[in-house]
N, C-alpha and C. Protein backbone atom coordinates (compact mmCIF):
# COMPACT_ATOMS: atom_id res chain seq x y z
N MET A 1 2.59 -13.27 -2.82
CA MET A 1 3.14 -11.98 -3.13
C MET A 1 2.48 -11.38 -4.39
N THR A 2 2.26 -12.22 -5.40
CA THR A 2 1.63 -11.73 -6.63
C THR A 2 0.24 -11.19 -6.35
N GLN A 3 -0.53 -11.92 -5.55
CA GLN A 3 -1.88 -11.48 -5.22
C GLN A 3 -1.84 -10.14 -4.47
N LYS A 4 -0.89 -9.98 -3.58
CA LYS A 4 -0.77 -8.73 -2.83
C LYS A 4 -0.48 -7.57 -3.77
N LEU A 5 0.44 -7.78 -4.72
CA LEU A 5 0.76 -6.73 -5.69
C LEU A 5 -0.43 -6.39 -6.58
N MET A 6 -1.15 -7.40 -7.01
CA MET A 6 -2.32 -7.17 -7.86
C MET A 6 -3.41 -6.43 -7.09
N SER A 7 -3.60 -6.78 -5.84
CA SER A 7 -4.58 -6.12 -5.00
C SER A 7 -4.22 -4.64 -4.82
N GLU A 8 -2.96 -4.37 -4.58
CA GLU A 8 -2.51 -2.99 -4.42
C GLU A 8 -2.71 -2.20 -5.71
N ALA A 9 -2.43 -2.83 -6.85
CA ALA A 9 -2.65 -2.17 -8.13
C ALA A 9 -4.11 -1.77 -8.29
N LYS A 10 -5.01 -2.67 -7.95
CA LYS A 10 -6.45 -2.38 -8.08
C LYS A 10 -6.85 -1.25 -7.15
N LYS A 11 -6.32 -1.23 -5.93
CA LYS A 11 -6.63 -0.14 -4.99
C LYS A 11 -6.21 1.22 -5.57
N ARG A 12 -5.14 1.21 -6.35
CA ARG A 12 -4.62 2.45 -6.93
C ARG A 12 -5.18 2.71 -8.33
N LYS A 13 -6.17 1.89 -8.72
CA LYS A 13 -6.84 2.02 -10.02
C LYS A 13 -5.89 1.81 -11.21
N VAL A 14 -4.93 0.91 -11.02
CA VAL A 14 -3.98 0.53 -12.08
C VAL A 14 -4.52 -0.71 -12.77
N LYS A 15 -4.58 -0.67 -14.09
CA LYS A 15 -5.04 -1.82 -14.86
C LYS A 15 -4.02 -2.95 -14.75
N VAL A 16 -4.51 -4.18 -14.63
CA VAL A 16 -3.65 -5.35 -14.48
C VAL A 16 -3.80 -6.25 -15.71
N SER A 17 -2.66 -6.54 -16.35
CA SER A 17 -2.62 -7.47 -17.47
C SER A 17 -1.93 -8.74 -16.99
N PHE A 18 -2.50 -9.89 -17.37
CA PHE A 18 -1.99 -11.16 -16.85
C PHE A 18 -1.96 -12.19 -17.97
N ASP A 19 -0.84 -12.89 -18.10
CA ASP A 19 -0.66 -13.92 -19.11
C ASP A 19 -0.70 -15.28 -18.44
N ILE A 20 -1.73 -16.05 -18.74
CA ILE A 20 -1.81 -17.42 -18.21
C ILE A 20 -0.91 -18.28 -19.08
N ASN A 21 0.26 -18.53 -18.57
CA ASN A 21 1.27 -19.24 -19.33
C ASN A 21 1.53 -20.57 -18.62
N TYR A 22 0.57 -21.46 -18.64
CA TYR A 22 0.63 -22.72 -17.91
C TYR A 22 1.72 -23.64 -18.46
N ARG A 23 2.52 -24.17 -17.56
CA ARG A 23 3.57 -25.14 -17.90
C ARG A 23 3.36 -26.37 -17.02
N ALA A 24 2.94 -27.47 -17.61
CA ALA A 24 2.64 -28.69 -16.87
C ALA A 24 3.83 -29.22 -16.09
N LYS A 25 5.03 -28.95 -16.54
CA LYS A 25 6.22 -29.42 -15.84
C LYS A 25 6.51 -28.60 -14.58
N MET A 26 5.87 -27.43 -14.46
CA MET A 26 6.13 -26.57 -13.32
C MET A 26 5.15 -26.78 -12.17
N TRP A 27 3.90 -27.13 -12.49
CA TRP A 27 2.91 -27.36 -11.44
C TRP A 27 1.74 -28.15 -12.01
N SER A 28 0.96 -28.73 -11.12
CA SER A 28 -0.19 -29.54 -11.55
C SER A 28 -1.33 -28.64 -12.00
N SER A 29 -2.23 -29.19 -12.78
CA SER A 29 -3.38 -28.40 -13.22
C SER A 29 -4.25 -28.03 -12.01
N HIS A 30 -4.31 -28.91 -11.01
CA HIS A 30 -5.08 -28.61 -9.80
C HIS A 30 -4.50 -27.40 -9.07
N LYS A 31 -3.18 -27.39 -8.88
CA LYS A 31 -2.53 -26.26 -8.19
C LYS A 31 -2.66 -24.98 -9.01
N ALA A 32 -2.50 -25.10 -10.32
CA ALA A 32 -2.64 -23.92 -11.18
C ALA A 32 -4.05 -23.34 -11.06
N ARG A 33 -5.05 -24.20 -11.10
CA ARG A 33 -6.45 -23.75 -10.98
C ARG A 33 -6.66 -23.04 -9.64
N GLU A 34 -6.09 -23.62 -8.58
CA GLU A 34 -6.23 -23.05 -7.24
C GLU A 34 -5.61 -21.65 -7.17
N VAL A 35 -4.40 -21.51 -7.68
CA VAL A 35 -3.71 -20.22 -7.64
C VAL A 35 -4.38 -19.21 -8.56
N LEU A 36 -4.69 -19.62 -9.78
CA LEU A 36 -5.31 -18.70 -10.74
C LEU A 36 -6.65 -18.18 -10.25
N SER A 37 -7.40 -19.00 -9.54
CA SER A 37 -8.71 -18.55 -9.04
C SER A 37 -8.57 -17.43 -8.01
N THR A 38 -7.41 -17.33 -7.37
CA THR A 38 -7.18 -16.22 -6.43
C THR A 38 -6.65 -14.98 -7.12
N LEU A 39 -6.03 -15.14 -8.31
CA LEU A 39 -5.44 -14.00 -9.02
C LEU A 39 -6.38 -13.36 -10.04
N LEU A 40 -7.16 -14.17 -10.72
CA LEU A 40 -7.97 -13.66 -11.83
C LEU A 40 -9.01 -12.60 -11.44
N PRO A 41 -9.52 -12.58 -10.21
CA PRO A 41 -10.43 -11.48 -9.85
C PRO A 41 -9.80 -10.09 -9.90
N TYR A 42 -8.48 -10.01 -9.93
CA TYR A 42 -7.78 -8.72 -9.98
C TYR A 42 -7.38 -8.30 -11.40
N VAL A 43 -7.65 -9.13 -12.38
CA VAL A 43 -7.16 -8.94 -13.74
C VAL A 43 -8.14 -8.13 -14.59
N ASP A 44 -7.59 -7.21 -15.40
CA ASP A 44 -8.39 -6.45 -16.36
C ASP A 44 -8.21 -6.98 -17.77
N TYR A 45 -6.97 -7.30 -18.13
CA TYR A 45 -6.64 -7.80 -19.47
C TYR A 45 -5.93 -9.14 -19.30
N CYS A 46 -6.36 -10.14 -20.05
CA CYS A 46 -5.86 -11.50 -19.82
C CYS A 46 -5.51 -12.22 -21.12
N SER A 47 -4.30 -12.75 -21.17
CA SER A 47 -3.90 -13.61 -22.28
C SER A 47 -4.28 -15.03 -21.88
N ALA A 48 -5.30 -15.57 -22.53
CA ALA A 48 -5.83 -16.86 -22.11
C ALA A 48 -6.00 -17.85 -23.25
N GLY A 49 -5.67 -17.47 -24.46
CA GLY A 49 -5.82 -18.41 -25.56
C GLY A 49 -7.25 -18.89 -25.71
N LYS A 50 -7.42 -20.19 -25.85
CA LYS A 50 -8.73 -20.76 -26.10
C LYS A 50 -9.63 -20.81 -24.88
N LEU A 51 -9.09 -20.53 -23.70
CA LEU A 51 -9.87 -20.65 -22.47
C LEU A 51 -10.81 -19.48 -22.21
N TYR A 52 -10.70 -18.43 -23.01
CA TYR A 52 -11.47 -17.22 -22.70
C TYR A 52 -12.98 -17.46 -22.66
N GLU A 53 -13.49 -18.37 -23.46
CA GLU A 53 -14.94 -18.60 -23.49
C GLU A 53 -15.47 -18.98 -22.11
N GLN A 54 -14.79 -19.90 -21.43
CA GLN A 54 -15.23 -20.31 -20.09
C GLN A 54 -14.93 -19.23 -19.05
N MET A 55 -13.84 -18.51 -19.26
CA MET A 55 -13.41 -17.55 -18.27
C MET A 55 -14.22 -16.27 -18.27
N LYS A 56 -14.72 -15.83 -19.40
CA LYS A 56 -15.40 -14.53 -19.45
C LYS A 56 -16.67 -14.51 -18.61
N GLU A 57 -17.32 -15.65 -18.43
CA GLU A 57 -18.51 -15.69 -17.57
C GLU A 57 -18.13 -15.73 -16.10
N ARG A 58 -17.07 -16.44 -15.78
CA ARG A 58 -16.66 -16.60 -14.39
C ARG A 58 -15.95 -15.35 -13.84
N TYR A 59 -15.28 -14.62 -14.73
CA TYR A 59 -14.52 -13.43 -14.31
C TYR A 59 -14.94 -12.22 -15.14
N PRO A 60 -16.10 -11.64 -14.83
CA PRO A 60 -16.58 -10.49 -15.61
C PRO A 60 -15.71 -9.24 -15.45
N ASN A 61 -14.82 -9.24 -14.47
CA ASN A 61 -13.89 -8.12 -14.29
C ASN A 61 -12.88 -8.04 -15.43
N ILE A 62 -12.66 -9.15 -16.14
CA ILE A 62 -11.70 -9.15 -17.24
C ILE A 62 -12.39 -8.55 -18.47
N THR A 63 -11.93 -7.38 -18.86
CA THR A 63 -12.60 -6.66 -19.94
C THR A 63 -12.04 -7.00 -21.32
N LEU A 64 -10.84 -7.58 -21.36
CA LEU A 64 -10.24 -7.92 -22.65
C LEU A 64 -9.44 -9.21 -22.53
N PHE A 65 -9.73 -10.15 -23.42
CA PHE A 65 -8.94 -11.37 -23.54
C PHE A 65 -8.15 -11.26 -24.84
N TYR A 66 -6.90 -11.70 -24.81
CA TYR A 66 -6.07 -11.65 -26.00
C TYR A 66 -5.14 -12.86 -26.03
N SER A 67 -4.59 -13.11 -27.17
CA SER A 67 -3.63 -14.20 -27.32
C SER A 67 -2.83 -13.97 -28.60
N THR A 68 -1.93 -14.88 -28.86
CA THR A 68 -1.18 -14.82 -30.10
C THR A 68 -1.21 -16.19 -30.77
N ILE A 69 -1.09 -16.16 -32.07
CA ILE A 69 -0.98 -17.38 -32.86
C ILE A 69 0.42 -17.38 -33.45
N ARG A 70 1.16 -18.45 -33.18
CA ARG A 70 2.54 -18.53 -33.66
C ARG A 70 2.62 -19.54 -34.80
N GLN A 71 3.15 -19.09 -35.93
CA GLN A 71 3.42 -20.00 -37.04
C GLN A 71 4.94 -20.17 -37.09
N VAL A 72 5.40 -21.40 -36.92
CA VAL A 72 6.83 -21.68 -36.88
C VAL A 72 7.32 -22.00 -38.28
N GLU A 73 8.14 -21.11 -38.82
CA GLU A 73 8.76 -21.35 -40.12
C GLU A 73 10.01 -22.20 -39.94
N SER A 74 10.79 -21.87 -38.89
CA SER A 74 11.98 -22.63 -38.51
C SER A 74 12.28 -22.26 -37.06
N ALA A 75 13.34 -22.83 -36.50
CA ALA A 75 13.69 -22.54 -35.11
C ALA A 75 14.01 -21.07 -34.89
N SER A 76 14.48 -20.40 -35.92
CA SER A 76 14.85 -18.99 -35.76
C SER A 76 13.94 -18.03 -36.54
N HIS A 77 12.82 -18.53 -37.04
CA HIS A 77 11.92 -17.68 -37.83
C HIS A 77 10.47 -18.04 -37.51
N HIS A 78 9.80 -17.13 -36.82
CA HIS A 78 8.40 -17.32 -36.46
C HIS A 78 7.58 -16.14 -36.97
N THR A 79 6.33 -16.38 -37.27
CA THR A 79 5.39 -15.32 -37.59
C THR A 79 4.33 -15.32 -36.50
N LEU A 80 4.07 -14.15 -35.92
CA LEU A 80 3.10 -14.05 -34.83
C LEU A 80 1.93 -13.18 -35.25
N VAL A 81 0.75 -13.55 -34.79
CA VAL A 81 -0.45 -12.75 -35.00
C VAL A 81 -1.09 -12.53 -33.64
N GLY A 82 -1.26 -11.27 -33.26
CA GLY A 82 -1.96 -10.95 -32.03
C GLY A 82 -3.46 -10.95 -32.31
N ARG A 83 -4.24 -11.46 -31.36
CA ARG A 83 -5.69 -11.46 -31.59
C ARG A 83 -6.44 -11.35 -30.28
N SER A 84 -7.62 -10.80 -30.40
CA SER A 84 -8.59 -10.79 -29.33
C SER A 84 -9.87 -11.34 -29.92
N PRO A 85 -10.37 -12.44 -29.39
CA PRO A 85 -11.60 -13.03 -29.95
C PRO A 85 -12.78 -12.07 -29.94
N LEU A 86 -12.74 -11.08 -29.08
CA LEU A 86 -13.85 -10.15 -28.97
C LEU A 86 -13.68 -8.91 -29.84
N LEU A 87 -12.44 -8.57 -30.20
CA LEU A 87 -12.23 -7.29 -30.85
C LEU A 87 -11.53 -7.32 -32.20
N PHE A 88 -10.40 -7.96 -32.32
CA PHE A 88 -9.61 -7.78 -33.53
C PHE A 88 -8.67 -8.94 -33.78
N LYS A 89 -8.09 -8.93 -34.97
CA LYS A 89 -7.00 -9.83 -35.32
C LYS A 89 -5.98 -8.97 -36.04
N GLU A 90 -4.82 -8.87 -35.48
CA GLU A 90 -3.81 -7.94 -35.97
C GLU A 90 -2.54 -8.67 -36.37
N ALA A 91 -2.08 -8.44 -37.58
CA ALA A 91 -0.82 -9.02 -38.03
C ALA A 91 0.34 -8.32 -37.35
N CYS A 92 1.32 -9.09 -36.94
CA CYS A 92 2.52 -8.55 -36.30
C CYS A 92 3.71 -8.79 -37.21
N PRO A 93 4.76 -8.04 -37.03
CA PRO A 93 5.95 -8.26 -37.86
C PRO A 93 6.50 -9.67 -37.65
N GLU A 94 7.16 -10.17 -38.67
CA GLU A 94 7.82 -11.46 -38.55
C GLU A 94 9.02 -11.33 -37.63
N LEU A 95 9.30 -12.38 -36.89
CA LEU A 95 10.48 -12.43 -36.04
C LEU A 95 11.51 -13.28 -36.76
N ASN A 96 12.44 -12.62 -37.43
CA ASN A 96 13.42 -13.34 -38.23
C ASN A 96 14.68 -12.50 -38.37
N PRO A 97 15.78 -12.85 -37.76
CA PRO A 97 15.96 -14.06 -36.96
C PRO A 97 15.55 -13.82 -35.52
N ILE A 98 15.15 -14.89 -34.85
CA ILE A 98 14.83 -14.82 -33.42
C ILE A 98 16.15 -14.82 -32.66
N VAL A 99 16.33 -13.80 -31.84
CA VAL A 99 17.55 -13.70 -31.04
C VAL A 99 17.33 -14.36 -29.70
N ASP A 100 16.16 -14.13 -29.10
CA ASP A 100 15.83 -14.69 -27.78
C ASP A 100 14.37 -15.11 -27.81
N ARG A 101 14.11 -16.42 -27.94
CA ARG A 101 12.74 -16.90 -28.07
C ARG A 101 11.90 -16.64 -26.84
N VAL A 102 12.48 -16.67 -25.67
CA VAL A 102 11.73 -16.44 -24.44
C VAL A 102 11.21 -15.02 -24.46
N GLY A 103 9.91 -14.86 -24.31
CA GLY A 103 9.31 -13.54 -24.28
C GLY A 103 8.89 -13.00 -25.64
N GLY A 104 9.11 -13.75 -26.69
CA GLY A 104 8.75 -13.28 -28.03
C GLY A 104 7.27 -13.03 -28.19
N VAL A 105 6.44 -13.90 -27.65
CA VAL A 105 4.99 -13.74 -27.75
C VAL A 105 4.53 -12.56 -26.93
N ASP A 106 5.10 -12.38 -25.74
CA ASP A 106 4.74 -11.24 -24.93
C ASP A 106 5.07 -9.93 -25.64
N ALA A 107 6.22 -9.90 -26.31
CA ALA A 107 6.63 -8.70 -27.02
C ALA A 107 5.66 -8.41 -28.16
N ALA A 108 5.22 -9.44 -28.86
CA ALA A 108 4.29 -9.25 -29.98
C ALA A 108 2.92 -8.81 -29.48
N ALA A 109 2.47 -9.38 -28.37
CA ALA A 109 1.16 -9.03 -27.82
C ALA A 109 1.16 -7.59 -27.37
């Protein structure tokens, strides 16, 4: 279903942003690689962390790689920095107190 939606977005000239948020407890690295290889050709902007070096050659359609660096002060206080290895490093506001940790990095990015 995700691939179908991404394909439709590309047909309509809609930019696609994708966050590779791998969780080893959810699927194997083999399965993740298999699924991601079908999705990444549709991506324009990608949150990939340290993997961007290998990915930028394999997926030239991805025009921007970005990620965040999280500094944990405490369970309810984090400092996030958004960055793109190719373009910029931008300081983001501190998250203090954290109300809902899930999605905090996405919000900062």
